[in-house]
Amino acid sequence: MNSRLRTVFWSFVGLCLLVAAVAPVFASIVTLRDQIAITVVINVTPAPVVFVSHPSRGSVDEIAISGRLRGTVVAQATAQRAVRVEANVTPNPNATLLYSDQPIVTINATAGTTVAVSCAFHVSIQTAHVNWQLKHGVSNDFAKGFVGGDLANDTYLAVPLPTSTPYVVYADNGGVWQPFQTNSGTKTYCVDLTIKVPVSIAGGAYSTNAVYSLYW
């Protein structure tokens, strides 16, 4: 083999090695195909208080309320469950690749309690593509001291998972959505929500967006 042929041969070998090296990189590149947001509103009722009397010598913890009442303030943190949400999944004609049956979910809760809602909404992927990836998270915290991680999800196809997982907060996570699952073809997920409201949160309406992103 003369020097010219050797040069061509080794150039070809080098090209083959380069293609083999970069092929996994190209295979790993994914593109955002669709994204949806479900608004989650938490209507918080302030924690009720009771006054515990103390029997002797006037040695009570004195807390004046409205300038009249004295006693020890005790927050009642009795857990409660919300009414089950029934939902029928119907394709959105304007977005059939990735869609939800509920654009907004409202949960009523008392500060200091935990509320669970079964199948608060569904998320559907309608595609024949193989090995798509679904990512999710919430866009922001509800308020100072009321973080997005207080909202947890149990997202499943048929059978609920043993435990719920707190949402990752996009605004606090370096702008990264949390990978949820890689799957193929058309799928519909049921999303159970559990909200744990801190006892110190004032009454009012708080909201965030549960965001789902589809990649392949």
C-alpha atoms as a PDB file:
ATOM      1  CA  MET A   1       0.000   0.000   0.000  1.00  0.00           C
ATOM      2  CA  ASN A   2       1.539   3.275  -1.097  1.00  0.00           C
ATOM      3  CA  SER A   3       1.557   6.372   1.071  1.00  0.00           C
ATOM      4  CA  ARG A   4      -1.439   7.914  -0.699  1.00  0.00           C
ATOM      5  CA  LEU A   5      -3.596   4.853  -0.131  1.00  0.00           C
ATOM      6  CA  ARG A   6      -2.459   4.684   3.472  1.00  0.00           C
ATOM      7  CA  THR A   7      -3.494   8.299   3.961  1.00  0.00           C
ATOM      8  CA  VAL A   8      -6.945   7.629   2.483  1.00  0.00           C
ATOM      9  CA  PHE A   9      -7.331   4.455   4.558  1.00  0.00           C
ATOM     10  CA  TRP A  10      -6.453   6.093   7.866  1.00  0.00           C
ATOM     11  CA  SER A  11      -8.623   9.096   7.048  1.00  0.00           C
ATOM     12  CA  PHE A  12     -11.551   6.747   6.491  1.00  0.00           C
ATOM     13  CA  VAL A  13     -10.850   4.937   9.780  1.00  0.00           C
ATOM     14  CA  GLY A  14     -10.694   8.263  11.593  1.00  0.00           C
ATOM     15  CA  LEU A  15     -14.008   9.345  10.086  1.00  0.00           C
ATOM     16  CA  CYS A  16     -15.665   6.082  11.178  1.00  0.00           C
ATOM     17  CA  LEU A  17     -14.363   6.532  14.721  1.00  0.00           C
ATOM     18  CA  LEU A  18     -15.617  10.111  14.797  1.00  0.00           C
ATOM     19  CA  VAL A  19     -19.116   9.052  13.656  1.00  0.00           C
ATOM     20  CA  ALA A  20     -19.172   6.302  16.283  1.00  0.00           C
ATOM     21  CA  ALA A  21     -18.141   8.770  18.967  1.00  0.00           C
ATOM     22  CA  VAL A  22     -20.742  11.430  18.191  1.00  0.00           C
ATOM     23  CA  ALA A  23     -23.647   9.077  17.427  1.00  0.00           C
ATOM     24  CA  PRO A  24     -24.580   8.619  21.119  1.00  0.00           C
ATOM     25  CA  VAL A  25     -24.471  12.406  21.531  1.00  0.00           C
ATOM     26  CA  PHE A  26     -26.946  12.943  18.711  1.00  0.00           C
ATOM     27  CA  ALA A  27     -29.101  10.130  20.027  1.00  0.00           C
ATOM     28  CA  SER A  28     -29.245  11.795  23.430  1.00  0.00           C
ATOM     29  CA  ILE A  29     -30.369  15.189  22.095  1.00  0.00           C
ATOM     30  CA  VAL A  30     -34.023  15.790  22.868  1.00  0.00           C
ATOM     31  CA  THR A  31     -36.341  18.596  21.870  1.00  0.00           C
ATOM     32  CA  LEU A  32     -39.289  20.084  23.713  1.00  0.00           C
ATOM     33  CA  ARG A  33     -42.376  19.039  21.739  1.00  0.00           C
ATOM     34  CA  ASP A  34     -45.194  20.428  23.866  1.00  0.00           C
ATOM     35  CA  GLN A  35     -45.833  21.943  27.274  1.00  0.00           C
ATOM     36  CA  ILE A  36     -48.955  22.562  29.334  1.00  0.00           C
ATOM     37  CA  ALA A  37     -49.656  24.261  32.676  1.00  0.00           C
ATOM     38  CA  ILE A  38     -52.418  23.477  35.151  1.00  0.00           C
ATOM     39  CA  THR A  39     -53.085  26.280  37.632  1.00  0.00           C
ATOM     40  CA  VAL A  40     -53.356  25.019  41.213  1.00  0.00           C
ATOM     41  CA  VAL A  41     -55.140  27.387  43.591  1.00  0.00           C
ATOM     42  CA  ILE A  42     -55.092  26.793  47.352  1.00  0.00           C
ATOM     43  CA  ASN A  43     -57.780  28.642  49.281  1.00  0.00           C
ATOM     44  CA  VAL A  44     -56.387  28.802  52.815  1.00  0.00           C
ATOM     45  CA  THR A  45     -58.570  29.290  55.872  1.00  0.00           C
ATOM     46  CA  PRO A  46     -56.589  30.503  58.912  1.00  0.00           C
ATOM     47  CA  ALA A  47     -55.982  27.900  61.594  1.00  0.00           C
ATOM     48  CA  PRO A  48     -58.720  28.047  64.252  1.00  0.00           C
ATOM     49  CA  VAL A  49     -57.586  28.664  67.797  1.00  0.00           C
ATOM     50  CA  VAL A  50     -58.826  27.435  71.148  1.00  0.00           C
ATOM     51  CA  PHE A  51     -58.036  28.804  74.561  1.00  0.00           C
ATOM     52  CA  VAL A  52     -56.773  26.448  77.216  1.00  0.00           C
ATOM     53  CA  SER A  53     -57.521  27.639  80.746  1.00  0.00           C
ATOM     54  CA  HIS A  54     -54.996  27.131  83.517  1.00  0.00           C
ATOM     55  CA  PRO A  55     -56.323  26.212  86.938  1.00  0.00           C
ATOM     56  CA  SER A  56     -54.163  27.908  89.553  1.00  0.00           C
ATOM     57  CA  ARG A  57     -52.651  31.104  90.881  1.00  0.00           C
ATOM     58  CA  GLY A  58     -53.086  33.148  87.730  1.00  0.00           C
ATOM     59  CA  SER A  59     -49.770  31.877  86.365  1.00  0.00           C
ATOM     60  CA  VAL A  60     -51.011  31.615  82.779  1.00  0.00           C
ATOM     61  CA  ASP A  61     -49.293  32.561  79.561  1.00  0.00           C
ATOM     62  CA  GLU A  62     -50.885  35.900  78.884  1.00  0.00           C
ATOM     63  CA  ILE A  63     -51.723  36.679  75.289  1.00  0.00           C
ATOM     64  CA  ALA A  64     -54.064  39.588  74.741  1.00  0.00           C
ATOM     65  CA  ILE A  65     -56.474  39.246  71.856  1.00  0.00           C
ATOM     66  CA  SER A  66     -58.658  42.232  70.976  1.00  0.00           C
ATOM     67  CA  GLY A  67     -57.581  43.647  74.319  1.00  0.00           C
ATOM     68  CA  ARG A  68     -59.848  41.262  76.253  1.00  0.00           C
ATOM     69  CA  LEU A  69     -59.103  37.545  76.157  1.00  0.00           C
ATOM     70  CA  ARG A  70     -56.185  35.777  77.771  1.00  0.00           C
ATOM     71  CA  GLY A  71     -55.006  32.221  77.442  1.00  0.00           C
ATOM     72  CA  THR A  72     -52.655  29.970  75.487  1.00  0.00           C
ATOM     73  CA  VAL A  73     -53.276  29.909  71.750  1.00  0.00           C
ATOM     74  CA  VAL A  74     -53.288  26.380  70.369  1.00  0.00           C
ATOM     75  CA  ALA A  75     -53.623  25.763  66.639  1.00  0.00           C
ATOM     76  CA  GLN A  76     -55.943  22.909  65.707  1.00  0.00           C
ATOM     77  CA  ALA A  77     -54.200  20.878  63.010  1.00  0.00           C
ATOM     78  CA  THR A  78     -56.693  18.127  62.325  1.00  0.00           C
ATOM     79  CA  ALA A  79     -56.014  16.464  58.967  1.00  0.00           C
ATOM     80  CA  GLN A  80     -58.821  16.406  56.444  1.00  0.00           C
ATOM     81  CA  ARG A  81     -59.495  15.001  53.003  1.00  0.00           C
ATOM     82  CA  ALA A  82     -61.057  16.803  50.089  1.00  0.00           C
ATOM     83  CA  VAL A  83     -63.971  15.474  48.096  1.00  0.00           C
ATOM     84  CA  ARG A  84     -62.868  13.206  45.261  1.00  0.00           C
ATOM     85  CA  VAL A  85     -62.677  14.960  41.907  1.00  0.00           C
ATOM     86  CA  GLU A  86     -64.270  13.010  39.081  1.00  0.00           C
ATOM     87  CA  ALA A  87     -62.861  13.838  35.662  1.00  0.00           C
ATOM     88  CA  ASN A  88     -63.364  12.615  32.120  1.00  0.00           C
ATOM     89  CA  VAL A  89     -60.412  12.981  29.796  1.00  0.00           C
ATOM     90  CA  THR A  90     -61.365  14.481  26.437  1.00  0.00           C
ATOM     91  CA  PRO A  91     -58.851  15.512  23.757  1.00  0.00           C
ATOM     92  CA  ASN A  92     -58.319  19.203  23.255  1.00  0.00           C
ATOM     93  CA  PRO A  93     -58.740  19.846  19.507  1.00  0.00           C
ATOM     94  CA  ASN A  94     -56.199  22.642  19.707  1.00  0.00           C
ATOM     95  CA  ALA A  95     -53.487  20.546  21.380  1.00  0.00           C
ATOM     96  CA  THR A  96     -53.787  16.787  21.071  1.00  0.00           C
ATOM     97  CA  LEU A  97     -50.144  15.903  21.629  1.00  0.00           C
ATOM     98  CA  LEU A  98     -50.066  16.786  25.336  1.00  0.00           C
ATOM     99  CA  TYR A  99     -53.171  17.933  27.190  1.00  0.00           C
ATOM    100  CA  SER A 100     -55.037  17.921  30.490  1.00  0.00           C
ATOM    101  CA  ASP A 101     -58.726  17.713  31.322  1.00  0.00           C
ATOM    102  CA  GLN A 102     -58.498  20.489  33.944  1.00  0.00           C
ATOM    103  CA  PRO A 103     -56.992  23.923  33.242  1.00  0.00           C
ATOM    104  CA  ILE A 104     -57.364  24.909  36.911  1.00  0.00           C
ATOM    105  CA  VAL A 105     -57.664  22.965  40.166  1.00  0.00           C
ATOM    106  CA  THR A 106     -58.920  24.610  43.361  1.00  0.00           C
ATOM    107  CA  ILE A 107     -58.290  23.053  46.778  1.00  0.00           C
ATOM    108  CA  ASN A 108     -59.737  24.365  50.034  1.00  0.00           C
ATOM    109  CA  ALA A 109     -57.559  23.806  53.082  1.00  0.00           C
ATOM    110  CA  THR A 110     -57.075  25.054  56.621  1.00  0.00           C
ATOM    111  CA  ALA A 111     -53.650  26.268  57.705  1.00  0.00           C
ATOM    112  CA  GLY A 112     -51.846  23.512  59.578  1.00  0.00           C
ATOM    113  CA  THR A 113     -53.656  20.679  57.789  1.00  0.00           C
ATOM    114  CA  THR A 114     -52.915  18.288  54.951  1.00  0.00           C
ATOM    115  CA  VAL A 115     -55.458  17.767  52.185  1.00  0.00           C
ATOM    116  CA  ALA A 116     -55.376  15.020  49.553  1.00  0.00           C
ATOM    117  CA  VAL A 117     -57.330  15.052  46.299  1.00  0.00           C
ATOM    118  CA  SER A 118     -57.581  11.874  44.221  1.00  0.00           C
ATOM    119  CA  CYS A 119     -57.213  12.331  40.445  1.00  0.00           C
ATOM    120  CA  ALA A 120     -57.288  16.099  40.685  1.00  0.00           C
ATOM    121  CA  PHE A 121     -56.514  16.115  36.957  1.00  0.00           C
ATOM    122  CA  HIS A 122     -55.283  13.879  34.161  1.00  0.00           C
ATOM    123  CA  VAL A 123     -52.342  14.395  31.831  1.00  0.00           C
ATOM    124  CA  SER A 124     -52.543  12.716  28.424  1.00  0.00           C
ATOM    125  CA  ILE A 125     -49.874  12.115  25.794  1.00  0.00           C
ATOM    126  CA  GLN A 126     -51.222  11.203  22.370  1.00  0.00           C
ATOM    127  CA  THR A 127     -48.463  10.122  20.013  1.00  0.00           C
ATOM    128  CA  ALA A 128     -47.074   7.038  18.314  1.00  0.00           C
ATOM    129  CA  HIS A 129     -43.531   8.126  19.119  1.00  0.00           C
ATOM    130  CA  VAL A 130     -41.298   5.661  20.954  1.00  0.00           C
ATOM    131  CA  ASN A 131     -39.295   6.691  24.032  1.00  0.00           C
ATOM    132  CA  TRP A 132     -40.671  10.117  24.736  1.00  0.00           C
ATOM    133  CA  GLN A 133     -39.844  11.710  28.085  1.00  0.00           C
ATOM    134  CA  LEU A 134     -42.271  13.532  30.357  1.00  0.00           C
ATOM    135  CA  LYS A 135     -40.969  16.118  32.813  1.00  0.00           C
ATOM    136  CA  HIS A 136     -42.920  18.031  35.435  1.00  0.00           C
ATOM    137  CA  GLY A 137     -42.684  20.537  38.279  1.00  0.00           C
ATOM    138  CA  VAL A 138     -44.323  23.659  39.610  1.00  0.00           C
ATOM    139  CA  SER A 139     -43.393  27.081  38.313  1.00  0.00           C
ATOM    140  CA  ASN A 140     -43.009  28.922  41.631  1.00  0.00           C
ATOM    141  CA  ASP A 141     -43.574  28.867  45.377  1.00  0.00           C
ATOM    142  CA  PHE A 142     -47.004  29.828  46.709  1.00  0.00           C
ATOM    143  CA  ALA A 143     -45.613  32.477  49.065  1.00  0.00           C
ATOM    144  CA  LYS A 144     -42.782  33.062  51.506  1.00  0.00           C
ATOM    145  CA  GLY A 145     -42.906  30.143  53.913  1.00  0.00           C
ATOM    146  CA  PHE A 146     -45.361  28.287  51.677  1.00  0.00           C
ATOM    147  CA  VAL A 147     -43.113  26.544  49.179  1.00  0.00           C
ATOM    148  CA  GLY A 148     -44.031  24.687  46.026  1.00  0.00           C
ATOM    149  CA  GLY A 149     -42.616  21.520  47.577  1.00  0.00           C
ATOM    150  CA  ASP A 150     -45.544  21.586  50.023  1.00  0.00           C
ATOM    151  CA  LEU A 151     -47.557  20.350  47.036  1.00  0.00           C
ATOM    152  CA  ALA A 152     -46.891  16.689  46.273  1.00  0.00           C
ATOM    153  CA  ASN A 153     -48.107  14.486  43.443  1.00  0.00           C
ATOM    154  CA  ASP A 154     -48.806  10.806  42.961  1.00  0.00           C
ATOM    155  CA  THR A 155     -48.802  10.430  39.178  1.00  0.00           C
ATOM    156  CA  TYR A 156     -49.647   6.983  37.799  1.00  0.00           C
ATOM    157  CA  LEU A 157     -51.193   5.122  34.881  1.00  0.00           C
ATOM    158  CA  ALA A 158     -53.430   2.648  36.707  1.00  0.00           C
ATOM    159  CA  VAL A 159     -52.457   1.960  40.320  1.00  0.00           C
ATOM    160  CA  PRO A 160     -51.514   4.745  42.784  1.00  0.00           C
ATOM    161  CA  LEU A 161     -47.938   4.707  44.010  1.00  0.00           C
ATOM    162  CA  PRO A 162     -47.286   3.965  47.708  1.00  0.00           C
ATOM    163  CA  THR A 163     -46.163   7.528  48.405  1.00  0.00           C
ATOM    164  CA  SER A 164     -46.479  10.979  46.880  1.00  0.00           C
ATOM    165  CA  THR A 165     -43.485  13.000  45.696  1.00  0.00           C
ATOM    166  CA  PRO A 166     -43.079  16.741  46.300  1.00  0.00           C
ATOM    167  CA  TYR A 167     -42.952  18.787  43.120  1.00  0.00           C
ATOM    168  CA  VAL A 168     -39.649  20.365  42.176  1.00  0.00           C
ATOM    169  CA  VAL A 169     -39.942  24.153  41.926  1.00  0.00           C
ATOM    170  CA  TYR A 170     -38.627  25.420  38.591  1.00  0.00           C
ATOM    171  CA  ALA A 171     -37.894  28.884  39.960  1.00  0.00           C
ATOM    172  CA  ASP A 172     -35.777  27.415  42.773  1.00  0.00           C
ATOM    173  CA  ASN A 173     -34.184  24.559  40.848  1.00  0.00           C
ATOM    174  CA  GLY A 174     -31.968  26.428  38.420  1.00  0.00           C
ATOM    175  CA  GLY A 175     -34.643  26.417  35.743  1.00  0.00           C
ATOM    176  CA  VAL A 176     -34.797  22.638  35.411  1.00  0.00           C
ATOM    177  CA  TRP A 177     -37.944  20.537  35.202  1.00  0.00           C
ATOM    178  CA  GLN A 178     -37.876  17.168  36.966  1.00  0.00           C
ATOM    179  CA  PRO A 179     -37.796  14.070  34.709  1.00  0.00           C
ATOM    180  CA  PHE A 180     -40.819  11.958  35.517  1.00  0.00           C
ATOM    181  CA  GLN A 181     -40.987   9.033  33.119  1.00  0.00           C
ATOM    182  CA  THR A 182     -39.865   7.709  29.752  1.00  0.00           C
ATOM    183  CA  ASN A 183     -42.554   5.820  27.877  1.00  0.00           C
ATOM    184  CA  SER A 184     -43.932   5.171  24.413  1.00  0.00           C
ATOM    185  CA  GLY A 185     -47.177   5.723  22.564  1.00  0.00           C
ATOM    186  CA  THR A 186     -50.427   7.156  23.900  1.00  0.00           C
ATOM    187  CA  LYS A 187     -50.708   7.317  27.692  1.00  0.00           C
ATOM    188  CA  THR A 188     -53.000   8.986  30.240  1.00  0.00           C
ATOM    189  CA  TYR A 189     -51.799   9.656  33.780  1.00  0.00           C
ATOM    190  CA  CYS A 190     -53.950  10.298  36.834  1.00  0.00           C
ATOM    191  CA  VAL A 191     -52.475  12.919  39.163  1.00  0.00           C
ATOM    192  CA  ASP A 192     -53.339  12.805  42.868  1.00  0.00           C
ATOM    193  CA  LEU A 193     -52.424  15.982  44.732  1.00  0.00           C
ATOM    194  CA  THR A 194     -51.522  16.372  48.397  1.00  0.00           C
ATOM    195  CA  ILE A 195     -51.082  19.829  49.876  1.00  0.00           C
ATOM    196  CA  LYS A 196     -49.531  20.422  53.289  1.00  0.00           C
ATOM    197  CA  VAL A 197     -50.358  23.946  54.408  1.00  0.00           C
ATOM    198  CA  PRO A 198     -48.044  25.447  57.041  1.00  0.00           C
ATOM    199  CA  VAL A 199     -49.847  26.469  60.217  1.00  0.00           C
ATOM    200  CA  SER A 200     -48.411  29.978  60.081  1.00  0.00           C
ATOM    201  CA  ILE A 201     -49.826  30.858  56.658  1.00  0.00           C
ATOM    202  CA  ALA A 202     -52.425  33.609  56.629  1.00  0.00           C
ATOM    203  CA  GLY A 203     -55.806  33.043  55.065  1.00  0.00           C
ATOM    204  CA  GLY A 204     -56.192  33.805  51.373  1.00  0.00           C
ATOM    205  CA  ALA A 205     -55.790  32.373  47.892  1.00  0.00           C
ATOM    206  CA  TYR A 206     -52.358  31.104  46.801  1.00  0.00           C
ATOM    207  CA  SER A 207     -51.462  29.692  43.406  1.00  0.00           C
ATOM    208  CA  THR A 208     -48.779  28.076  41.296  1.00  0.00           C
ATOM    209  CA  ASN A 209     -48.677  26.239  37.969  1.00  0.00           C
ATOM    210  CA  ALA A 210     -48.086  22.507  37.622  1.00  0.00           C
ATOM    211  CA  VAL A 211     -46.178  22.299  34.347  1.00  0.00           C
ATOM    212  CA  TYR A 212     -45.760  19.192  32.182  1.00  0.00           C
ATOM    213  CA  SER A 213     -43.244  19.100  29.331  1.00  0.00           C
ATOM    214  CA  LEU A 214     -42.951  16.466  26.611  1.00  0.00           C
ATOM    215  CA  TYR A 215     -39.589  15.732  24.981  1.00  0.00           C
ATOM    216  CA  TRP A 216     -38.102  13.384  22.424  1.00  0.00           C
END
